[in-house]
Amino acid sequence: MDLAEFLVSQVLAAGLVFARLGAALMFLPGFGEQTIPPRHRLLFGLALSAAVAPLVPIGGQAETAPVVLLSMFAIEITIGIWIGTTARILFSALQFAGYQIGMVAGLSNAFAPGSGSFEGSTLIAGVLLMAGVALIFATELHHLMIRALIDSYELFPPGRLMLGDLAQQMVRAVAQSFYLGVSLAAPFYVLSLVLNLGMGLANRAMPSLPVFFVAAPILIATGLLGLVAAGPAMLSGTMQALADWLAGFSF
């Protein structure tokens, strides 16, 4: 092999690595946030791919026919998108819980900035998401994400796509995220039920009582107090669920 063929094979191998890592970084929590400029994410993806390329077993597979190489690029992008979106689905349990808390506590706002994965977010969901992103880097969970991307080449070798397993894991992630989100918001459901039931009984006892003007400040105050008390446990539970899923890539 002459120098030109060697350089071409190395560039194609780095391109295959960037196809998986770059696609994953578009959706991974912390790395794929909307507040990060796309140019910065692109530069980080290129730098990470250049650093990781010598560690993954992909060098000799770049010397294939163009049609096979294109299919390998498509497979690598699919796997990267699956890793990023699955992690994002698990992380979105925090936003779902914040959305439910905002609705229950009367802190929902149609004009709140949508900083999460879906529109219609609430201020509570935005605060929880910002805290979750900060915890990802404060607890060095982003190191575990990069380690999971490297270990993914052991579970998903280059050029091989297991659609059945990917779909099954995606369904499990959705179910776990929904269960986690409802579990995090469950105390606020009980709190809202008790307060609304008490206000209903007070209204029956005193029909002239302006229930809305009395109940709204109480709901907001108790919702904020409950968030202060339950916020650390909510954040730690979400981070632990995400860390457990990322640890599954290591043997």
C-alpha atoms as a PDB file:
ATOM      1  CA  MET A   1       0.000   0.000   0.000  1.00  0.00           C
ATOM      2  CA  ASP A   2       1.423   3.335  -1.035  1.00  0.00           C
ATOM      3  CA  LEU A   3       1.138   6.559   0.928  1.00  0.00           C
ATOM      4  CA  ALA A   4      -1.925   7.837  -0.959  1.00  0.00           C
ATOM      5  CA  GLU A   5      -3.963   4.686  -0.300  1.00  0.00           C
ATOM      6  CA  PHE A   6      -2.899   4.687   3.341  1.00  0.00           C
ATOM      7  CA  LEU A   7      -3.964   8.294   3.830  1.00  0.00           C
ATOM      8  CA  VAL A   8      -7.293   7.673   2.088  1.00  0.00           C
ATOM      9  CA  SER A   9      -8.011   4.645   4.284  1.00  0.00           C
ATOM     10  CA  GLN A  10      -7.188   6.620   7.434  1.00  0.00           C
ATOM     11  CA  VAL A  11      -9.427   9.506   6.411  1.00  0.00           C
ATOM     12  CA  LEU A  12     -12.301   7.147   5.606  1.00  0.00           C
ATOM     13  CA  ALA A  13     -11.835   5.366   8.944  1.00  0.00           C
ATOM     14  CA  ALA A  14     -11.946   8.708  10.784  1.00  0.00           C
ATOM     15  CA  GLY A  15     -15.047   9.598   8.766  1.00  0.00           C
ATOM     16  CA  LEU A  16     -16.776   6.407   9.883  1.00  0.00           C
ATOM     17  CA  VAL A  17     -15.926   7.199  13.490  1.00  0.00           C
ATOM     18  CA  PHE A  18     -17.253  10.731  13.090  1.00  0.00           C
ATOM     19  CA  ALA A  19     -20.460   9.372  11.543  1.00  0.00           C
ATOM     20  CA  ARG A  20     -21.319   7.527  14.755  1.00  0.00           C
ATOM     21  CA  LEU A  21     -19.932   9.988  17.285  1.00  0.00           C
ATOM     22  CA  GLY A  22     -21.181  13.086  15.497  1.00  0.00           C
ATOM     23  CA  ALA A  23     -24.697  11.680  15.153  1.00  0.00           C
ATOM     24  CA  ALA A  24     -24.722  10.749  18.849  1.00  0.00           C
ATOM     25  CA  LEU A  25     -23.439  14.148  19.982  1.00  0.00           C
ATOM     26  CA  MET A  26     -26.350  15.869  18.251  1.00  0.00           C
ATOM     27  CA  PHE A  27     -28.780  14.332  20.748  1.00  0.00           C
ATOM     28  CA  LEU A  28     -26.789  13.371  23.858  1.00  0.00           C
ATOM     29  CA  PRO A  29     -27.781  15.347  26.974  1.00  0.00           C
ATOM     30  CA  GLY A  30     -25.286  18.069  27.728  1.00  0.00           C
ATOM     31  CA  PHE A  31     -23.544  17.894  24.354  1.00  0.00           C
ATOM     32  CA  GLY A  32     -26.602  18.278  22.150  1.00  0.00           C
ATOM     33  CA  GLU A  33     -28.382  21.143  23.891  1.00  0.00           C
ATOM     34  CA  GLN A  34     -29.994  23.820  21.745  1.00  0.00           C
ATOM     35  CA  THR A  35     -28.098  26.549  23.584  1.00  0.00           C
ATOM     36  CA  ILE A  36     -24.755  25.243  22.267  1.00  0.00           C
ATOM     37  CA  PRO A  37     -23.918  26.716  18.826  1.00  0.00           C
ATOM     38  CA  PRO A  38     -23.894  24.071  16.051  1.00  0.00           C
ATOM     39  CA  ARG A  39     -20.399  25.135  14.988  1.00  0.00           C
ATOM     40  CA  HIS A  40     -19.022  24.394  18.442  1.00  0.00           C
ATOM     41  CA  ARG A  41     -20.693  20.978  18.482  1.00  0.00           C
ATOM     42  CA  LEU A  42     -19.257  20.228  15.050  1.00  0.00           C
ATOM     43  CA  LEU A  43     -15.730  21.181  16.098  1.00  0.00           C
ATOM     44  CA  PHE A  44     -16.007  19.124  19.275  1.00  0.00           C
ATOM     45  CA  GLY A  45     -17.284  16.138  17.288  1.00  0.00           C
ATOM     46  CA  LEU A  46     -14.355  16.374  14.881  1.00  0.00           C
ATOM     47  CA  ALA A  47     -11.842  16.665  17.718  1.00  0.00           C
ATOM     48  CA  LEU A  48     -13.385  13.761  19.627  1.00  0.00           C
ATOM     49  CA  SER A  49     -13.471  11.586  16.512  1.00  0.00           C
ATOM     50  CA  ALA A  50      -9.809  12.281  15.814  1.00  0.00           C
ATOM     51  CA  ALA A  51      -8.941  11.307  19.395  1.00  0.00           C
ATOM     52  CA  VAL A  52     -11.096   8.175  19.444  1.00  0.00           C
ATOM     53  CA  ALA A  53     -10.298   6.870  15.935  1.00  0.00           C
ATOM     54  CA  PRO A  54      -7.086   5.017  16.983  1.00  0.00           C
ATOM     55  CA  LEU A  55      -8.982   3.257  19.815  1.00  0.00           C
ATOM     56  CA  VAL A  56     -11.751   1.619  17.779  1.00  0.00           C
ATOM     57  CA  PRO A  57     -11.458  -1.419  15.470  1.00  0.00           C
ATOM     58  CA  ILE A  58     -12.476   0.279  12.253  1.00  0.00           C
ATOM     59  CA  GLY A  59      -9.244   0.864  10.352  1.00  0.00           C
ATOM     60  CA  GLY A  60      -9.240  -2.006   7.845  1.00  0.00           C
ATOM     61  CA  GLN A  61     -12.967  -1.872   7.131  1.00  0.00           C
ATOM     62  CA  ALA A  62     -12.640   1.456   5.319  1.00  0.00           C
ATOM     63  CA  GLU A  63     -10.882  -0.277   2.395  1.00  0.00           C
ATOM     64  CA  THR A  64     -14.077  -1.555   0.774  1.00  0.00           C
ATOM     65  CA  ALA A  65     -16.143  -0.844  -2.311  1.00  0.00           C
ATOM     66  CA  PRO A  66     -17.918   2.518  -2.496  1.00  0.00           C
ATOM     67  CA  VAL A  67     -21.394   0.981  -2.238  1.00  0.00           C
ATOM     68  CA  VAL A  68     -20.470  -1.026   0.849  1.00  0.00           C
ATOM     69  CA  LEU A  69     -18.762   2.023   2.325  1.00  0.00           C
ATOM     70  CA  LEU A  70     -21.918   4.117   1.878  1.00  0.00           C
ATOM     71  CA  SER A  71     -23.973   1.443   3.611  1.00  0.00           C
ATOM     72  CA  MET A  72     -21.468   1.425   6.473  1.00  0.00           C
ATOM     73  CA  PHE A  73     -21.809   5.190   6.814  1.00  0.00           C
ATOM     74  CA  ALA A  74     -25.603   4.825   6.962  1.00  0.00           C
ATOM     75  CA  ILE A  75     -25.329   2.112   9.631  1.00  0.00           C
ATOM     76  CA  GLU A  76     -22.888   4.155  11.728  1.00  0.00           C
ATOM     77  CA  ILE A  77     -25.146   7.226  11.572  1.00  0.00           C
ATOM     78  CA  THR A  78     -28.151   5.106  12.567  1.00  0.00           C
ATOM     79  CA  ILE A  79     -26.350   3.653  15.576  1.00  0.00           C
ATOM     80  CA  GLY A  80     -25.142   7.103  16.643  1.00  0.00           C
ATOM     81  CA  ILE A  81     -28.630   8.573  16.392  1.00  0.00           C
ATOM     82  CA  TRP A  82     -30.001   5.637  18.394  1.00  0.00           C
ATOM     83  CA  ILE A  83     -27.468   6.147  21.198  1.00  0.00           C
ATOM     84  CA  GLY A  84     -28.121   9.882  21.371  1.00  0.00           C
ATOM     85  CA  THR A  85     -31.911   9.698  21.181  1.00  0.00           C
ATOM     86  CA  THR A  86     -32.167   6.887  23.738  1.00  0.00           C
ATOM     87  CA  ALA A  87     -30.088   8.863  26.226  1.00  0.00           C
ATOM     88  CA  ARG A  88     -32.193  11.940  25.454  1.00  0.00           C
ATOM     89  CA  ILE A  89     -35.397   9.978  26.061  1.00  0.00           C
ATOM     90  CA  LEU A  90     -34.171   8.915  29.494  1.00  0.00           C
ATOM     91  CA  PHE A  91     -33.092  12.462  30.295  1.00  0.00           C
ATOM     92  CA  SER A  92     -36.469  13.835  29.150  1.00  0.00           C
ATOM     93  CA  ALA A  93     -38.072  12.226  32.221  1.00  0.00           C
ATOM     94  CA  LEU A  94     -36.835  15.302  34.070  1.00  0.00           C
ATOM     95  CA  GLN A  95     -38.609  17.595  31.644  1.00  0.00           C
ATOM     96  CA  PHE A  96     -41.799  15.536  31.794  1.00  0.00           C
ATOM     97  CA  ALA A  97     -41.772  15.724  35.594  1.00  0.00           C
ATOM     98  CA  GLY A  98     -41.151  19.478  35.471  1.00  0.00           C
ATOM     99  CA  TYR A  99     -43.990  19.919  33.017  1.00  0.00           C
ATOM    100  CA  GLN A 100     -46.369  18.009  35.281  1.00  0.00           C
ATOM    101  CA  ILE A 101     -45.215  19.938  38.365  1.00  0.00           C
ATOM    102  CA  GLY A 102     -45.743  23.229  36.564  1.00  0.00           C
ATOM    103  CA  MET A 103     -49.259  22.230  35.556  1.00  0.00           C
ATOM    104  CA  VAL A 104     -50.166  20.958  39.020  1.00  0.00           C
ATOM    105  CA  ALA A 105     -48.670  23.906  40.913  1.00  0.00           C
ATOM    106  CA  GLY A 106     -50.166  26.521  38.619  1.00  0.00           C
ATOM    107  CA  LEU A 107     -46.796  27.608  37.222  1.00  0.00           C
ATOM    108  CA  SER A 108     -47.407  26.687  33.583  1.00  0.00           C
ATOM    109  CA  ASN A 109     -46.949  29.450  31.031  1.00  0.00           C
ATOM    110  CA  ALA A 110     -47.586  29.233  27.306  1.00  0.00           C
ATOM    111  CA  PHE A 111     -44.868  31.814  26.673  1.00  0.00           C
ATOM    112  CA  ALA A 112     -42.162  29.983  28.597  1.00  0.00           C
ATOM    113  CA  PRO A 113     -38.984  29.394  26.552  1.00  0.00           C
ATOM    114  CA  GLY A 114     -38.853  25.871  25.130  1.00  0.00           C
ATOM    115  CA  SER A 115     -35.375  24.770  26.182  1.00  0.00           C
ATOM    116  CA  GLY A 116     -36.102  21.051  26.204  1.00  0.00           C
ATOM    117  CA  SER A 117     -36.936  18.256  23.807  1.00  0.00           C
ATOM    118  CA  PHE A 118     -40.525  19.246  23.096  1.00  0.00           C
ATOM    119  CA  GLU A 119     -42.583  22.412  22.940  1.00  0.00           C
ATOM    120  CA  GLY A 120     -45.027  23.555  25.564  1.00  0.00           C
ATOM    121  CA  SER A 121     -42.454  23.473  28.307  1.00  0.00           C
ATOM    122  CA  THR A 122     -42.927  25.166  31.665  1.00  0.00           C
ATOM    123  CA  LEU A 123     -40.597  27.281  33.737  1.00  0.00           C
ATOM    124  CA  ILE A 124     -40.168  24.421  36.224  1.00  0.00           C
ATOM    125  CA  ALA A 125     -39.175  22.064  33.423  1.00  0.00           C
ATOM    126  CA  GLY A 126     -36.654  24.598  32.121  1.00  0.00           C
ATOM    127  CA  VAL A 127     -35.100  25.019  35.552  1.00  0.00           C
ATOM    128  CA  LEU A 128     -34.861  21.260  36.087  1.00  0.00           C
ATOM    129  CA  LEU A 129     -33.306  20.749  32.665  1.00  0.00           C
ATOM    130  CA  MET A 130     -30.673  23.429  33.262  1.00  0.00           C
ATOM    131  CA  ALA A 131     -29.880  21.881  36.629  1.00  0.00           C
ATOM    132  CA  GLY A 132     -29.666  18.438  35.037  1.00  0.00           C
ATOM    133  CA  VAL A 133     -27.269  19.636  32.329  1.00  0.00           C
ATOM    134  CA  ALA A 134     -25.109  21.321  34.968  1.00  0.00           C
ATOM    135  CA  LEU A 135     -25.056  18.078  36.991  1.00  0.00           C
ATOM    136  CA  ILE A 136     -23.969  16.081  33.949  1.00  0.00           C
ATOM    137  CA  PHE A 137     -20.727  18.037  33.797  1.00  0.00           C
ATOM    138  CA  ALA A 138     -20.375  18.569  37.565  1.00  0.00           C
ATOM    139  CA  THR A 139     -20.598  14.830  38.274  1.00  0.00           C
ATOM    140  CA  GLU A 140     -18.403  13.991  35.237  1.00  0.00           C
ATOM    141  CA  LEU A 141     -21.212  12.010  33.655  1.00  0.00           C
ATOM    142  CA  HIS A 142     -20.038  13.300  30.271  1.00  0.00           C
ATOM    143  CA  HIS A 143     -16.911  11.147  30.709  1.00  0.00           C
ATOM    144  CA  LEU A 144     -19.183   8.126  31.023  1.00  0.00           C
ATOM    145  CA  MET A 145     -20.956   9.177  27.820  1.00  0.00           C
ATOM    146  CA  ILE A 146     -17.678   9.301  25.898  1.00  0.00           C
ATOM    147  CA  ARG A 147     -16.680   5.947  27.392  1.00  0.00           C
ATOM    148  CA  ALA A 148     -20.037   4.483  26.318  1.00  0.00           C
ATOM    149  CA  LEU A 149     -19.484   5.727  22.760  1.00  0.00           C
ATOM    150  CA  ILE A 150     -16.117   3.953  22.660  1.00  0.00           C
ATOM    151  CA  ASP A 151     -17.533   0.760  24.192  1.00  0.00           C
ATOM    152  CA  SER A 152     -20.426   0.799  21.711  1.00  0.00           C
ATOM    153  CA  TYR A 153     -18.039  -0.608  19.093  1.00  0.00           C
ATOM    154  CA  GLU A 154     -17.931  -3.825  21.124  1.00  0.00           C
ATOM    155  CA  LEU A 155     -21.724  -4.140  21.210  1.00  0.00           C
ATOM    156  CA  PHE A 156     -22.303  -2.826  17.691  1.00  0.00           C
ATOM    157  CA  PRO A 157     -19.344  -3.681  15.443  1.00  0.00           C
ATOM    158  CA  PRO A 158     -18.876  -1.425  12.414  1.00  0.00           C
ATOM    159  CA  GLY A 159     -21.081  -2.412   9.501  1.00  0.00           C
ATOM    160  CA  ARG A 160     -23.547  -4.476  11.544  1.00  0.00           C
ATOM    161  CA  LEU A 161     -27.042  -3.253  12.416  1.00  0.00           C
ATOM    162  CA  MET A 162     -29.422  -5.140  14.721  1.00  0.00           C
ATOM    163  CA  LEU A 163     -32.713  -3.359  14.168  1.00  0.00           C
ATOM    164  CA  GLY A 164     -34.699  -5.683  16.431  1.00  0.00           C
ATOM    165  CA  ASP A 165     -32.462  -5.081  19.436  1.00  0.00           C
ATOM    166  CA  LEU A 166     -32.359  -1.326  18.805  1.00  0.00           C
ATOM    167  CA  ALA A 167     -36.147  -1.103  18.608  1.00  0.00           C
ATOM    168  CA  GLN A 168     -36.596  -3.213  21.732  1.00  0.00           C
ATOM    169  CA  GLN A 169     -34.165  -1.082  23.734  1.00  0.00           C
ATOM    170  CA  MET A 170     -35.846   2.083  22.492  1.00  0.00           C
ATOM    171  CA  VAL A 171     -39.247   0.859  23.697  1.00  0.00           C
ATOM    172  CA  ARG A 172     -37.750  -0.015  27.087  1.00  0.00           C
ATOM    173  CA  ALA A 173     -36.184   3.447  27.324  1.00  0.00           C
ATOM    174  CA  VAL A 174     -39.520   5.116  26.581  1.00  0.00           C
ATOM    175  CA  ALA A 175     -41.283   3.019  29.209  1.00  0.00           C
ATOM    176  CA  GLN A 176     -38.563   3.678  31.791  1.00  0.00           C
ATOM    177  CA  SER A 177     -38.579   7.407  31.053  1.00  0.00           C
ATOM    178  CA  PHE A 178     -42.353   7.638  31.426  1.00  0.00           C
ATOM    179  CA  TYR A 179     -42.286   5.615  34.646  1.00  0.00           C
ATOM    180  CA  LEU A 180     -39.480   7.749  36.050  1.00  0.00           C
ATOM    181  CA  GLY A 181     -41.207  11.000  35.110  1.00  0.00           C
ATOM    182  CA  VAL A 182     -44.479   9.973  36.722  1.00  0.00           C
ATOM    183  CA  SER A 183     -42.637   8.749  39.815  1.00  0.00           C
ATOM    184  CA  LEU A 184     -40.815  12.058  40.194  1.00  0.00           C
ATOM    185  CA  ALA A 185     -44.037  14.048  39.887  1.00  0.00           C
ATOM    186  CA  ALA A 186     -46.168  11.697  42.046  1.00  0.00           C
ATOM    187  CA  PRO A 187     -45.770  13.668  45.337  1.00  0.00           C
ATOM    188  CA  PHE A 188     -47.002  16.792  43.601  1.00  0.00           C
ATOM    189  CA  TYR A 189     -50.087  14.956  42.345  1.00  0.00           C
ATOM    190  CA  VAL A 190     -50.946  14.044  45.933  1.00  0.00           C
ATOM    191  CA  LEU A 191     -50.185  17.585  47.113  1.00  0.00           C
ATOM    192  CA  SER A 192     -52.433  19.101  44.475  1.00  0.00           C
ATOM    193  CA  LEU A 193     -55.233  16.652  45.213  1.00  0.00           C
ATOM    194  CA  VAL A 194     -55.159  17.427  48.927  1.00  0.00           C
ATOM    195  CA  LEU A 195     -55.083  21.184  48.398  1.00  0.00           C
ATOM    196  CA  ASN A 196     -57.829  21.216  45.800  1.00  0.00           C
ATOM    197  CA  LEU A 197     -59.977  18.928  47.930  1.00  0.00           C
ATOM    198  CA  GLY A 198     -59.479  21.242  50.911  1.00  0.00           C
ATOM    199  CA  MET A 199     -60.372  24.297  48.848  1.00  0.00           C
ATOM    200  CA  GLY A 200     -63.454  22.547  47.538  1.00  0.00           C
ATOM    201  CA  LEU A 201     -64.623  21.767  51.047  1.00  0.00           C
ATOM    202  CA  ALA A 202     -63.899  25.354  52.098  1.00  0.00           C
ATOM    203  CA  ASN A 203     -65.942  26.613  49.181  1.00  0.00           C
ATOM    204  CA  ARG A 204     -68.842  24.377  50.171  1.00  0.00           C
ATOM    205  CA  ALA A 205     -68.642  25.684  53.729  1.00  0.00           C
ATOM    206  CA  MET A 206     -68.264  29.311  52.624  1.00  0.00           C
ATOM    207  CA  PRO A 207     -69.791  29.883  49.159  1.00  0.00           C
ATOM    208  CA  SER A 208     -68.738  33.546  49.123  1.00  0.00           C
ATOM    209  CA  LEU A 209     -65.043  32.621  49.423  1.00  0.00           C
ATOM    210  CA  PRO A 210     -63.066  33.615  46.276  1.00  0.00           C
ATOM    211  CA  VAL A 211     -61.522  30.161  45.860  1.00  0.00           C
ATOM    212  CA  PHE A 212     -59.409  30.976  42.831  1.00  0.00           C
ATOM    213  CA  PHE A 213     -57.664  33.968  44.405  1.00  0.00           C
ATOM    214  CA  VAL A 214     -57.068  32.042  47.628  1.00  0.00           C
ATOM    215  CA  ALA A 215     -56.035  28.718  46.078  1.00  0.00           C
ATOM    216  CA  ALA A 216     -53.614  30.033  43.439  1.00  0.00           C
ATOM    217  CA  PRO A 217     -51.045  31.523  45.879  1.00  0.00           C
ATOM    218  CA  ILE A 218     -51.293  28.446  48.105  1.00  0.00           C
ATOM    219  CA  LEU A 219     -50.716  26.081  45.161  1.00  0.00           C
ATOM    220  CA  ILE A 220     -47.739  28.083  43.923  1.00  0.00           C
ATOM    221  CA  ALA A 221     -46.164  28.387  47.373  1.00  0.00           C
ATOM    222  CA  THR A 222     -46.590  24.707  48.227  1.00  0.00           C
ATOM    223  CA  GLY A 223     -45.377  23.707  44.756  1.00  0.00           C
ATOM    224  CA  LEU A 224     -42.189  25.723  45.165  1.00  0.00           C
ATOM    225  CA  LEU A 225     -41.604  24.403  48.673  1.00  0.00           C
ATOM    226  CA  GLY A 226     -42.159  20.851  47.464  1.00  0.00           C
ATOM    227  CA  LEU A 227     -39.745  21.447  44.593  1.00  0.00           C
ATOM    228  CA  VAL A 228     -37.077  22.703  47.003  1.00  0.00           C
ATOM    229  CA  ALA A 229     -37.526  19.591  49.136  1.00  0.00           C
ATOM    230  CA  ALA A 230     -37.810  17.031  46.327  1.00  0.00           C
ATOM    231  CA  GLY A 231     -35.560  18.672  43.714  1.00  0.00           C
ATOM    232  CA  PRO A 232     -32.270  17.040  44.765  1.00  0.00           C
ATOM    233  CA  ALA A 233     -33.835  13.575  44.827  1.00  0.00           C
ATOM    234  CA  MET A 234     -35.427  14.169  41.407  1.00  0.00           C
ATOM    235  CA  LEU A 235     -32.131  15.231  39.864  1.00  0.00           C
ATOM    236  CA  SER A 236     -30.136  12.416  41.453  1.00  0.00           C
ATOM    237  CA  GLY A 237     -32.700   9.818  40.369  1.00  0.00           C
ATOM    238  CA  THR A 238     -32.580  10.968  36.763  1.00  0.00           C
ATOM    239  CA  MET A 239     -28.780  11.097  36.726  1.00  0.00           C
ATOM    240  CA  GLN A 240     -28.609   7.605  38.225  1.00  0.00           C
ATOM    241  CA  ALA A 241     -30.982   6.175  35.611  1.00  0.00           C
ATOM    242  CA  LEU A 242     -28.933   7.747  32.816  1.00  0.00           C
ATOM    243  CA  ALA A 243     -25.663   6.541  34.342  1.00  0.00           C
ATOM    244  CA  ASP A 244     -26.997   2.981  34.708  1.00  0.00           C
ATOM    245  CA  TRP A 245     -27.993   2.914  31.035  1.00  0.00           C
ATOM    246  CA  LEU A 246     -24.617   4.259  29.905  1.00  0.00           C
ATOM    247  CA  ALA A 247     -22.818   1.745  32.115  1.00  0.00           C
ATOM    248  CA  GLY A 248     -24.568  -1.039  30.187  1.00  0.00           C
ATOM    249  CA  PHE A 249     -22.191  -0.452  27.256  1.00  0.00           C
ATOM    250  CA  SER A 250     -19.213  -1.590  29.356  1.00  0.00           C
ATOM    251  CA  PHE A 251     -18.542  -5.237  30.071  1.00  0.00           C
END
